Amino acid sequence: MESTDLAKIVMNPVRIRIAQYFLVHEQGTTAQIGEELSDVPKASLYRHMKIMEDAGLIRVVQENKKRGTVEKVYKLEQENPMGSREPGKEEVAQLIHSSLLGIMGEFQRYLKREDADPQKDMISLTSAVFLLTDEEFQEFFSKMGELYSSMINNQPDGKRRPRKLTLISSPVTEEKEKKKKEGSGREERTC
């Protein structure tokens, strides 16, 4: 499969959400995924799962016979379907675009709910510019990774609820970089 074809498969917002399900739950059936992605029609979900399986993005790890049918348990494929090749600029741009559209869609679905309360739900957006060496930036991500790892496998306890944190490292425009070098301080926006 061509890498551009694979990139198009991965860039679909529903498939990104399916992949996110596997990052949290490790494995699951189409029915279990459908419970979490309740806004996606059942037939559409099955179609997306089949596309991901055919592309080698997910694989069947177990088959259970259930009322005359076979229920498949899937897992995200750990091997890179693109091989050792790094994605090109166009593929990265498509991934970023698709991911941001997916996030926007999640916010739109959330804000349409009658019970949406951004303050109560601690919805926030923060942007900051840091002056860091490559080593310091790697250390920053390593510490973030440790924090993620310490909480990603928390089990439901009646008080916990799913919370999504999206971390994006974005480029700094020349103007912002110049202000930062001049010592204008950290730029931050929060809602």
N, C-alpha and C. Protein backbone atom coordinates (compact mmCIF):
# COMPACT_ATOMS: atom_id res chain seq x y z
N MET A 1 0.84 -1.18 0.00
CA MET A 1 0.00 0.00 0.00
C MET A 1 0.89 1.24 0.00
N GLU A 2 0.55 2.20 -0.85
CA GLU A 2 1.29 3.46 -0.93
C GLU A 2 1.12 4.22 0.38
N SER A 3 2.16 4.94 0.79
CA SER A 3 2.08 5.69 2.04
C SER A 3 1.02 6.78 1.98
N THR A 4 0.81 7.38 0.79
CA THR A 4 -0.24 8.41 0.68
C THR A 4 -1.62 7.79 0.86
N ASP A 5 -1.82 6.56 0.37
CA ASP A 5 -3.10 5.87 0.58
C ASP A 5 -3.30 5.59 2.06
N LEU A 6 -2.24 5.12 2.73
CA LEU A 6 -2.32 4.83 4.15
C LEU A 6 -2.60 6.11 4.93
N ALA A 7 -1.95 7.20 4.54
CA ALA A 7 -2.17 8.48 5.21
C ALA A 7 -3.63 8.89 5.09
N LYS A 8 -4.23 8.71 3.92
CA LYS A 8 -5.64 9.06 3.73
C LYS A 8 -6.54 8.20 4.61
N ILE A 9 -6.17 6.94 4.79
CA ILE A 9 -6.95 6.04 5.65
C ILE A 9 -6.88 6.52 7.09
N VAL A 10 -5.68 6.86 7.54
CA VAL A 10 -5.46 7.27 8.92
C VAL A 10 -6.10 8.63 9.22
N MET A 11 -6.14 9.51 8.24
CA MET A 11 -6.57 10.89 8.47
C MET A 11 -8.07 11.07 8.69
N ASN A 12 -8.86 10.05 8.52
CA ASN A 12 -10.30 10.16 8.69
C ASN A 12 -10.63 10.42 10.17
N PRO A 13 -11.45 11.43 10.48
CA PRO A 13 -11.75 11.75 11.88
C PRO A 13 -12.35 10.60 12.68
N VAL A 14 -13.21 9.79 12.07
CA VAL A 14 -13.79 8.65 12.80
C VAL A 14 -12.70 7.63 13.10
N ARG A 15 -11.82 7.37 12.14
CA ARG A 15 -10.75 6.40 12.35
C ARG A 15 -9.75 6.89 13.40
N ILE A 16 -9.54 8.19 13.46
CA ILE A 16 -8.69 8.75 14.51
C ILE A 16 -9.32 8.48 15.87
N ARG A 17 -10.63 8.65 15.98
CA ARG A 17 -11.32 8.38 17.24
C ARG A 17 -11.27 6.90 17.60
N ILE A 18 -11.35 6.03 16.59
CA ILE A 18 -11.23 4.58 16.84
C ILE A 18 -9.84 4.28 17.38
N ALA A 19 -8.82 4.87 16.76
CA ALA A 19 -7.44 4.66 17.23
C ALA A 19 -7.28 5.18 18.65
N GLN A 20 -7.89 6.32 18.96
CA GLN A 20 -7.82 6.86 20.31
C GLN A 20 -8.48 5.92 21.32
N TYR A 21 -9.56 5.27 20.90
CA TYR A 21 -10.21 4.28 21.77
C TYR A 21 -9.19 3.20 22.16
N PHE A 22 -8.45 2.70 21.16
CA PHE A 22 -7.49 1.63 21.43
C PHE A 22 -6.32 2.12 22.28
N LEU A 23 -5.96 3.37 22.19
CA LEU A 23 -4.88 3.90 23.03
C LEU A 23 -5.28 3.89 24.49
N VAL A 24 -6.57 4.08 24.76
CA VAL A 24 -7.06 4.09 26.14
C VAL A 24 -7.40 2.68 26.61
N HIS A 25 -8.08 1.89 25.76
CA HIS A 25 -8.62 0.59 26.19
C HIS A 25 -7.79 -0.61 25.74
N GLU A 26 -6.81 -0.41 24.94
CA GLU A 26 -5.91 -1.46 24.42
C GLU A 26 -6.58 -2.40 23.43
N GLN A 27 -7.75 -2.94 23.75
CA GLN A 27 -8.46 -3.79 22.80
C GLN A 27 -9.96 -3.64 23.01
N GLY A 28 -10.73 -4.07 22.00
CA GLY A 28 -12.18 -3.96 22.13
C GLY A 28 -12.90 -4.49 20.91
N THR A 29 -14.18 -4.72 21.08
CA THR A 29 -15.03 -5.18 19.98
C THR A 29 -15.65 -3.95 19.31
N THR A 30 -16.22 -4.16 18.14
CA THR A 30 -16.89 -3.06 17.45
C THR A 30 -18.04 -2.54 18.30
N ALA A 31 -18.74 -3.43 18.99
CA ALA A 31 -19.86 -3.02 19.85
C ALA A 31 -19.37 -2.13 20.99
N GLN A 32 -18.25 -2.49 21.61
CA GLN A 32 -17.69 -1.68 22.70
C GLN A 32 -17.26 -0.30 22.19
N ILE A 33 -16.63 -0.29 21.03
CA ILE A 33 -16.20 0.98 20.45
C ILE A 33 -17.43 1.82 20.11
N GLY A 34 -18.48 1.16 19.60
CA GLY A 34 -19.71 1.85 19.26
C GLY A 34 -20.38 2.52 20.45
N GLU A 35 -20.23 1.94 21.64
CA GLU A 35 -20.78 2.56 22.84
C GLU A 35 -20.12 3.91 23.10
N GLU A 36 -18.81 3.97 22.89
CA GLU A 36 -18.07 5.20 23.14
C GLU A 36 -18.23 6.21 22.00
N LEU A 37 -18.37 5.71 20.78
CA LEU A 37 -18.55 6.57 19.61
C LEU A 37 -20.02 6.51 19.20
N SER A 38 -20.90 6.81 20.14
CA SER A 38 -22.34 6.62 19.94
C SER A 38 -22.93 7.50 18.84
N ASP A 39 -22.22 8.55 18.44
CA ASP A 39 -22.72 9.41 17.37
C ASP A 39 -22.41 8.87 15.97
N VAL A 40 -21.61 7.79 15.91
CA VAL A 40 -21.25 7.18 14.62
C VAL A 40 -22.23 6.05 14.34
N PRO A 41 -22.94 6.09 13.19
CA PRO A 41 -23.87 5.00 12.86
C PRO A 41 -23.17 3.64 12.85
N LYS A 42 -23.89 2.63 13.31
CA LYS A 42 -23.33 1.28 13.45
C LYS A 42 -22.73 0.76 12.14
N ALA A 43 -23.44 0.90 11.03
CA ALA A 43 -22.95 0.41 9.74
C ALA A 43 -21.68 1.14 9.33
N SER A 44 -21.63 2.43 9.61
CA SER A 44 -20.45 3.24 9.29
C SER A 44 -19.25 2.80 10.13
N LEU A 45 -19.50 2.51 11.41
CA LEU A 45 -18.43 2.06 12.30
C LEU A 45 -17.84 0.74 11.81
N TYR A 46 -18.70 -0.20 11.44
CA TYR A 46 -18.22 -1.49 10.92
C TYR A 46 -17.38 -1.29 9.66
N ARG A 47 -17.80 -0.37 8.81
CA ARG A 47 -17.06 -0.08 7.57
C ARG A 47 -15.68 0.49 7.89
N HIS A 48 -15.62 1.43 8.83
CA HIS A 48 -14.33 2.02 9.22
C HIS A 48 -13.40 0.97 9.85
N MET A 49 -13.98 0.09 10.66
CA MET A 49 -13.18 -0.97 11.28
C MET A 49 -12.59 -1.89 10.21
N LYS A 50 -13.39 -2.24 9.21
CA LYS A 50 -12.93 -3.11 8.12
C LYS A 50 -11.81 -2.43 7.34
N ILE A 51 -11.96 -1.15 7.05
CA ILE A 51 -10.92 -0.40 6.33
C ILE A 51 -9.62 -0.41 7.14
N MET A 52 -9.72 -0.18 8.44
CA MET A 52 -8.53 -0.17 9.30
C MET A 52 -7.88 -1.55 9.38
N GLU A 53 -8.71 -2.59 9.44
CA GLU A 53 -8.18 -3.95 9.49
C GLU A 53 -7.47 -4.29 8.17
N ASP A 54 -8.10 -3.99 7.06
CA ASP A 54 -7.51 -4.27 5.74
C ASP A 54 -6.20 -3.51 5.53
N ALA A 55 -6.08 -2.32 6.13
CA ALA A 55 -4.87 -1.50 5.99
C ALA A 55 -3.77 -1.92 6.96
N GLY A 56 -4.10 -2.85 7.88
CA GLY A 56 -3.10 -3.31 8.84
C GLY A 56 -2.93 -2.40 10.04
N LEU A 57 -3.90 -1.51 10.27
CA LEU A 57 -3.82 -0.60 11.41
C LEU A 57 -4.32 -1.25 12.69
N ILE A 58 -5.28 -2.15 12.55
CA ILE A 58 -5.77 -2.93 13.69
C ILE A 58 -5.76 -4.40 13.28
N ARG A 59 -5.76 -5.28 14.28
CA ARG A 59 -5.79 -6.71 13.98
C ARG A 59 -6.70 -7.42 14.97
N VAL A 60 -7.20 -8.57 14.53
CA VAL A 60 -8.06 -9.39 15.37
C VAL A 60 -7.17 -10.19 16.31
N VAL A 61 -7.44 -10.10 17.62
CA VAL A 61 -6.66 -10.84 18.61
C VAL A 61 -7.47 -11.98 19.23
N GLN A 62 -8.79 -11.96 19.00
CA GLN A 62 -9.65 -13.00 19.57
C GLN A 62 -10.97 -13.01 18.82
N GLU A 63 -11.55 -14.19 18.68
CA GLU A 63 -12.88 -14.32 18.08
C GLU A 63 -13.76 -15.08 19.05
N ASN A 64 -14.91 -14.52 19.36
CA ASN A 64 -15.85 -15.13 20.29
C ASN A 64 -17.14 -15.47 19.56
N LYS A 65 -17.60 -16.72 19.71
CA LYS A 65 -18.88 -17.10 19.11
C LYS A 65 -19.98 -16.59 20.03
N LYS A 66 -20.89 -15.84 19.42
CA LYS A 66 -21.95 -15.21 20.20
C LYS A 66 -23.25 -15.27 19.42
N ARG A 67 -24.20 -16.06 19.89
CA ARG A 67 -25.52 -16.19 19.26
C ARG A 67 -25.45 -16.41 17.75
N GLY A 68 -24.64 -17.35 17.35
CA GLY A 68 -24.56 -17.72 15.94
C GLY A 68 -23.67 -16.83 15.09
N THR A 69 -23.07 -15.82 15.69
CA THR A 69 -22.14 -14.96 14.94
C THR A 69 -20.78 -14.98 15.62
N VAL A 70 -19.81 -14.42 14.95
CA VAL A 70 -18.47 -14.33 15.52
C VAL A 70 -18.18 -12.87 15.85
N GLU A 71 -17.92 -12.63 17.13
CA GLU A 71 -17.58 -11.29 17.58
C GLU A 71 -16.05 -11.19 17.63
N LYS A 72 -15.51 -10.21 16.92
CA LYS A 72 -14.06 -10.04 16.85
C LYS A 72 -13.59 -9.03 17.89
N VAL A 73 -12.49 -9.36 18.55
CA VAL A 73 -11.84 -8.45 19.48
C VAL A 73 -10.61 -7.91 18.75
N TYR A 74 -10.51 -6.59 18.66
CA TYR A 74 -9.43 -5.95 17.91
C TYR A 74 -8.42 -5.30 18.84
N LYS A 75 -7.24 -5.09 18.28
CA LYS A 75 -6.17 -4.38 18.97
C LYS A 75 -5.46 -3.51 17.94
N LEU A 76 -4.96 -2.38 18.38
CA LEU A 76 -4.19 -1.51 17.50
C LEU A 76 -2.89 -2.20 17.15
N GLU A 77 -2.54 -2.22 15.88
CA GLU A 77 -1.30 -2.86 15.43
C GLU A 77 -0.12 -2.02 15.89
N GLN A 78 0.83 -2.66 16.55
CA GLN A 78 1.98 -1.94 17.08
C GLN A 78 3.04 -1.65 16.03
N GLU A 79 3.11 -2.51 15.02
CA GLU A 79 4.10 -2.28 13.95
C GLU A 79 3.67 -1.10 13.11
N ASN A 80 4.62 -0.33 12.63
CA ASN A 80 4.34 0.83 11.77
C ASN A 80 3.97 0.33 10.38
N PRO A 81 2.72 0.53 9.92
CA PRO A 81 2.33 0.06 8.60
C PRO A 81 3.12 0.73 7.47
N MET A 82 3.76 1.85 7.75
CA MET A 82 4.56 2.53 6.74
C MET A 82 5.99 1.99 6.71
N GLY A 83 6.26 0.98 7.56
CA GLY A 83 7.61 0.46 7.64
C GLY A 83 8.47 1.44 8.43
N SER A 84 9.74 1.51 8.11
CA SER A 84 10.63 2.40 8.85
C SER A 84 10.63 3.81 8.26
N ARG A 85 9.92 4.01 7.17
CA ARG A 85 9.90 5.30 6.50
C ARG A 85 9.17 6.35 7.34
N GLU A 86 9.76 7.51 7.45
CA GLU A 86 9.13 8.61 8.16
C GLU A 86 8.10 9.27 7.24
N PRO A 87 7.01 9.78 7.80
CA PRO A 87 6.02 10.46 6.95
C PRO A 87 6.60 11.74 6.36
N GLY A 88 6.21 12.08 5.15
CA GLY A 88 6.66 13.30 4.50
C GLY A 88 5.88 14.51 4.98
N LYS A 89 6.28 15.69 4.52
CA LYS A 89 5.62 16.94 4.95
C LYS A 89 4.13 16.93 4.62
N GLU A 90 3.78 16.43 3.43
CA GLU A 90 2.37 16.42 3.03
C GLU A 90 1.56 15.51 3.95
N GLU A 91 2.12 14.35 4.30
CA GLU A 91 1.43 13.42 5.19
C GLU A 91 1.28 14.01 6.59
N VAL A 92 2.33 14.70 7.06
CA VAL A 92 2.27 15.34 8.37
C VAL A 92 1.20 16.44 8.35
N ALA A 93 1.18 17.23 7.27
CA ALA A 93 0.18 18.30 7.14
C ALA A 93 -1.23 17.72 7.15
N GLN A 94 -1.44 16.61 6.43
CA GLN A 94 -2.76 15.98 6.40
C GLN A 94 -3.15 15.46 7.78
N LEU A 95 -2.19 14.86 8.48
CA LEU A 95 -2.47 14.33 9.81
C LEU A 95 -2.84 15.46 10.77
N ILE A 96 -2.09 16.55 10.74
CA ILE A 96 -2.38 17.69 11.61
C ILE A 96 -3.76 18.25 11.28
N HIS A 97 -4.03 18.46 10.01
CA HIS A 97 -5.33 19.00 9.58
C HIS A 97 -6.47 18.10 10.04
N SER A 98 -6.34 16.82 9.81
CA SER A 98 -7.38 15.87 10.18
C SER A 98 -7.56 15.82 11.70
N SER A 99 -6.45 15.83 12.43
CA SER A 99 -6.52 15.79 13.89
C SER A 99 -7.22 17.02 14.44
N LEU A 100 -6.85 18.19 13.91
CA LEU A 100 -7.48 19.42 14.38
C LEU A 100 -8.97 19.46 14.04
N LEU A 101 -9.33 18.95 12.86
CA LEU A 101 -10.75 18.86 12.51
C LEU A 101 -11.49 17.93 13.47
N GLY A 102 -10.83 16.83 13.84
CA GLY A 102 -11.43 15.90 14.80
C GLY A 102 -11.66 16.55 16.15
N ILE A 103 -10.69 17.33 16.61
CA ILE A 103 -10.82 18.03 17.88
C ILE A 103 -11.95 19.05 17.80
N MET A 104 -12.01 19.79 16.68
CA MET A 104 -13.09 20.76 16.50
C MET A 104 -14.45 20.07 16.52
N GLY A 105 -14.54 18.91 15.89
CA GLY A 105 -15.78 18.15 15.88
C GLY A 105 -16.19 17.72 17.28
N GLU A 106 -15.21 17.30 18.09
CA GLU A 106 -15.50 16.91 19.47
C GLU A 106 -16.04 18.09 20.26
N PHE A 107 -15.43 19.27 20.08
CA PHE A 107 -15.92 20.47 20.77
C PHE A 107 -17.33 20.82 20.31
N GLN A 108 -17.60 20.72 19.01
CA GLN A 108 -18.93 21.03 18.50
C GLN A 108 -19.97 20.08 19.08
N ARG A 109 -19.65 18.78 19.11
CA ARG A 109 -20.59 17.80 19.68
C ARG A 109 -20.82 18.09 21.16
N TYR A 110 -19.75 18.42 21.87
CA TYR A 110 -19.85 18.71 23.30
C TYR A 110 -20.73 19.95 23.54
N LEU A 111 -20.45 21.03 22.80
CA LEU A 111 -21.16 22.28 23.02
C LEU A 111 -22.63 22.23 22.60
N LYS A 112 -23.01 21.26 21.77
CA LYS A 112 -24.41 21.08 21.38
C LYS A 112 -25.21 20.39 22.47
N ARG A 113 -24.52 19.72 23.39
CA ARG A 113 -25.23 19.02 24.47
C ARG A 113 -25.89 20.03 25.41
N GLU A 114 -27.07 19.71 25.89
CA GLU A 114 -27.76 20.60 26.81
C GLU A 114 -27.03 20.72 28.14
N ASP A 115 -26.34 19.65 28.55
CA ASP A 115 -25.66 19.66 29.84
C ASP A 115 -24.22 20.16 29.75
N ALA A 116 -23.81 20.71 28.62
CA ALA A 116 -22.43 21.19 28.45
C ALA A 116 -22.17 22.35 29.41
N ASP A 117 -21.12 22.23 30.19
CA ASP A 117 -20.72 23.27 31.14
C ASP A 117 -19.19 23.34 31.12
N PRO A 118 -18.62 24.16 30.22
CA PRO A 118 -17.16 24.21 30.06
C PRO A 118 -16.40 24.49 31.36
N GLN A 119 -16.96 25.35 32.23
CA GLN A 119 -16.26 25.65 33.47
C GLN A 119 -16.27 24.44 34.41
N LYS A 120 -17.43 23.83 34.57
CA LYS A 120 -17.55 22.65 35.44
C LYS A 120 -16.70 21.49 34.90
N ASP A 121 -16.68 21.33 33.57
CA ASP A 121 -15.94 20.24 32.95
C ASP A 121 -14.46 20.55 32.77
N MET A 122 -14.05 21.74 33.22
CA MET A 122 -12.64 22.16 33.17
C MET A 122 -12.07 22.13 31.76
N ILE A 123 -12.85 22.62 30.80
CA ILE A 123 -12.40 22.73 29.41
C ILE A 123 -11.45 23.92 29.34
N SER A 124 -10.29 23.73 28.75
CA SER A 124 -9.34 24.83 28.68
C SER A 124 -8.51 24.78 27.41
N LEU A 125 -7.95 25.91 27.08
CA LEU A 125 -7.03 26.03 25.96
C LEU A 125 -5.92 26.95 26.41
N THR A 126 -4.71 26.46 26.38
CA THR A 126 -3.56 27.23 26.80
C THR A 126 -2.49 27.14 25.74
N SER A 127 -1.85 28.26 25.47
CA SER A 127 -0.75 28.28 24.52
C SER A 127 0.40 29.05 25.14
N ALA A 128 1.58 28.48 25.12
CA ALA A 128 2.75 29.13 25.70
C ALA A 128 3.96 28.89 24.82
N VAL A 129 4.86 29.88 24.79
CA VAL A 129 6.11 29.75 24.05
C VAL A 129 7.23 29.62 25.07
N PHE A 130 8.04 28.58 24.93
CA PHE A 130 9.17 28.33 25.82
C PHE A 130 10.47 28.49 25.04
N LEU A 131 11.52 28.94 25.71
CA LEU A 131 12.87 28.92 25.13
C LEU A 131 13.56 27.67 25.67
N LEU A 132 13.75 26.67 24.81
CA LEU A 132 14.33 25.39 25.23
C LEU A 132 15.32 24.88 24.19
N THR A 133 16.37 24.23 24.67
CA THR A 133 17.26 23.52 23.75
C THR A 133 16.54 22.25 23.32
N ASP A 134 17.06 21.57 22.32
CA ASP A 134 16.46 20.29 21.91
C ASP A 134 16.45 19.30 23.06
N GLU A 135 17.52 19.29 23.84
CA GLU A 135 17.62 18.37 24.98
C GLU A 135 16.57 18.71 26.04
N GLU A 136 16.41 20.01 26.32
CA GLU A 136 15.40 20.43 27.30
C GLU A 136 13.99 20.10 26.82
N PHE A 137 13.77 20.26 25.51
CA PHE A 137 12.46 19.95 24.94
C PHE A 137 12.17 18.46 25.05
N GLN A 138 13.17 17.61 24.78
CA GLN A 138 13.01 16.16 24.94
C GLN A 138 12.74 15.81 26.39
N GLU A 139 13.44 16.47 27.31
CA GLU A 139 13.22 16.22 28.74
C GLU A 139 11.80 16.62 29.14
N PHE A 140 11.32 17.75 28.60
CA PHE A 140 9.96 18.21 28.86
C PHE A 140 8.95 17.14 28.44
N PHE A 141 9.12 16.61 27.22
CA PHE A 141 8.20 15.58 26.72
C PHE A 141 8.34 14.29 27.52
N SER A 142 9.54 13.98 27.95
CA SER A 142 9.75 12.78 28.76
C SER A 142 8.99 12.89 30.09
N LYS A 143 9.06 14.06 30.72
CA LYS A 143 8.34 14.27 31.98
C LYS A 143 6.83 14.24 31.76
N MET A 144 6.38 14.82 30.64
CA MET A 144 4.95 14.76 30.31
C MET A 144 4.53 13.31 30.11
N GLY A 145 5.38 12.53 29.43
CA GLY A 145 5.11 11.11 29.21
C GLY A 145 4.99 10.34 30.51
N GLU A 146 5.86 10.65 31.47
CA GLU A 146 5.80 10.00 32.78
C GLU A 146 4.48 10.32 33.48
N LEU A 147 4.06 11.57 33.38
CA LEU A 147 2.80 11.99 33.99
C LEU A 147 1.62 11.29 33.32
N TYR A 148 1.62 11.26 31.99
CA TYR A 148 0.58 10.54 31.24
C TYR A 148 0.53 9.08 31.71
N SER A 149 1.70 8.43 31.69
CA SER A 149 1.78 7.01 32.03
C SER A 149 1.27 6.71 33.43
N SER A 150 1.48 7.65 34.36
CA SER A 150 1.05 7.41 35.73
C SER A 150 -0.47 7.45 35.89
N MET A 151 -1.18 8.00 34.89
CA MET A 151 -2.63 8.15 35.02
C MET A 151 -3.45 7.50 33.91
N ILE A 152 -2.83 7.11 32.82
CA ILE A 152 -3.59 6.65 31.65
C ILE A 152 -4.37 5.36 31.92
N ASN A 153 -3.90 4.55 32.85
CA ASN A 153 -4.57 3.27 33.13
C ASN A 153 -5.43 3.31 34.38
N ASN A 154 -5.79 4.53 34.84
CA ASN A 154 -6.71 4.63 35.97
C ASN A 154 -7.99 3.88 35.65
N GLN A 155 -8.51 3.18 36.64
CA GLN A 155 -9.74 2.40 36.47
C GLN A 155 -10.93 3.21 36.98
N PRO A 156 -12.12 2.98 36.42
CA PRO A 156 -13.31 3.68 36.91
C PRO A 156 -13.53 3.37 38.39
N ASP A 157 -13.94 4.39 39.15
CA ASP A 157 -14.20 4.17 40.57
C ASP A 157 -15.47 4.87 41.03
N GLY A 158 -16.29 5.30 40.08
CA GLY A 158 -17.52 6.00 40.44
C GLY A 158 -17.35 7.51 40.45
N LYS A 159 -16.13 7.98 40.69
CA LYS A 159 -15.86 9.42 40.70
C LYS A 159 -15.14 9.86 39.42
N ARG A 160 -14.31 8.98 38.88
CA ARG A 160 -13.53 9.33 37.69
C ARG A 160 -14.42 9.35 36.46
N ARG A 161 -14.06 10.21 35.52
CA ARG A 161 -14.72 10.23 34.23
C ARG A 161 -13.67 10.50 33.16
N PRO A 162 -13.95 10.13 31.93
CA PRO A 162 -12.96 10.33 30.87
C PRO A 162 -12.68 11.82 30.66
N ARG A 163 -11.40 12.15 30.54
CA ARG A 163 -10.96 13.51 30.24
C ARG A 163 -9.91 13.40 29.16
N LYS A 164 -10.01 14.25 28.18
CA LYS A 164 -9.08 14.18 27.06
C LYS A 164 -8.12 15.37 27.11
N LEU A 165 -6.85 15.07 26.98
CA LEU A 165 -5.82 16.10 26.92
C LEU A 165 -5.10 15.93 25.60
N THR A 166 -5.07 16.97 24.80
CA THR A 166 -4.38 16.94 23.51
C THR A 166 -3.17 17.84 23.60
N LEU A 167 -2.01 17.29 23.37
CA LEU A 167 -0.77 18.07 23.43
C LEU A 167 -0.26 18.25 22.01
N ILE A 168 -0.08 19.50 21.61
CA ILE A 168 0.40 19.80 20.26
C ILE A 168 1.65 20.66 20.38
N SER A 169 2.70 20.24 19.74
CA SER A 169 3.90 21.07 19.63
C SER A 169 3.83 21.74 18.27
N SER A 170 3.69 23.06 18.28
CA SER A 170 3.52 23.77 17.01
C SER A 170 4.69 24.71 16.76
N PRO A 171 4.87 25.10 15.50
CA PRO A 171 5.98 26.00 15.17
C PRO A 171 5.72 27.39 15.74
N VAL A 172 6.79 28.12 15.96
CA VAL A 172 6.72 29.50 16.43
C VAL A 172 7.00 30.39 15.24
N THR A 173 6.11 31.34 14.99
CA THR A 173 6.34 32.26 13.88
C THR A 173 7.53 33.16 14.21
N GLU A 174 8.15 33.72 13.19
CA GLU A 174 9.34 34.57 13.40
C GLU A 174 9.04 35.73 14.33
N GLU A 175 7.86 36.34 14.20
CA GLU A 175 7.51 37.48 15.04
C GLU A 175 7.46 37.10 16.51
N LYS A 176 6.83 35.97 16.81
CA LYS A 176 6.75 35.50 18.19
C LYS A 176 8.14 35.15 18.71
N GLU A 177 8.94 34.51 17.85
CA GLU A 177 10.29 34.11 18.25
C GLU A 177 11.13 35.35 18.57
N LYS A 178 11.00 36.40 17.77
CA LYS A 178 11.75 37.65 17.98
C LYS A 178 11.35 38.27 19.32
N LYS A 179 10.04 38.33 19.61
CA LYS A 179 9.57 38.90 20.87
C LYS A 179 10.11 38.11 22.05
N LYS A 180 10.13 36.78 21.89
CA LYS A 180 10.60 35.93 22.98
C LYS A 180 12.07 36.17 23.25
N LYS A 181 12.87 36.29 22.18
CA LYS A 181 14.31 36.53 22.33
C LYS A 181 14.58 37.89 22.95
N GLU A 182 13.67 38.85 22.72
CA GLU A 182 13.82 40.18 23.29
C GLU A 182 13.40 40.21 24.76
N GLY A 183 12.93 39.08 25.26
CA GLY A 183 12.58 38.98 26.67
C GLY A 183 11.18 39.47 26.99
N SER A 184 10.27 39.39 26.03
CA SER A 184 8.91 39.86 26.27
C SER A 184 8.09 38.89 27.12
N GLY A 185 8.68 37.76 27.49
CA GLY A 185 8.00 36.84 28.39
C GLY A 185 7.13 35.82 27.70
N ARG A 186 6.48 35.03 28.52
CA ARG A 186 5.66 33.93 28.05
C ARG A 186 4.33 34.43 27.51
N GLU A 187 3.92 33.87 26.41
CA GLU A 187 2.62 34.21 25.83
C GLU A 187 1.65 33.10 26.20
N GLU A 188 0.52 33.47 26.74
CA GLU A 188 -0.42 32.43 27.17
C GLU A 188 -1.85 32.90 26.98
N ARG A 189 -2.70 31.99 26.52
CA ARG A 189 -4.13 32.24 26.40
C ARG A 189 -4.83 31.06 27.06
N THR A 190 -5.79 31.35 27.87
CA THR A 190 -6.53 30.27 28.53
C THR A 190 -8.02 30.59 28.50
N CYS A 191 -8.81 29.56 28.26
CA CYS A 191 -10.26 29.75 28.36
C CYS A 191 -10.81 28.71 29.29
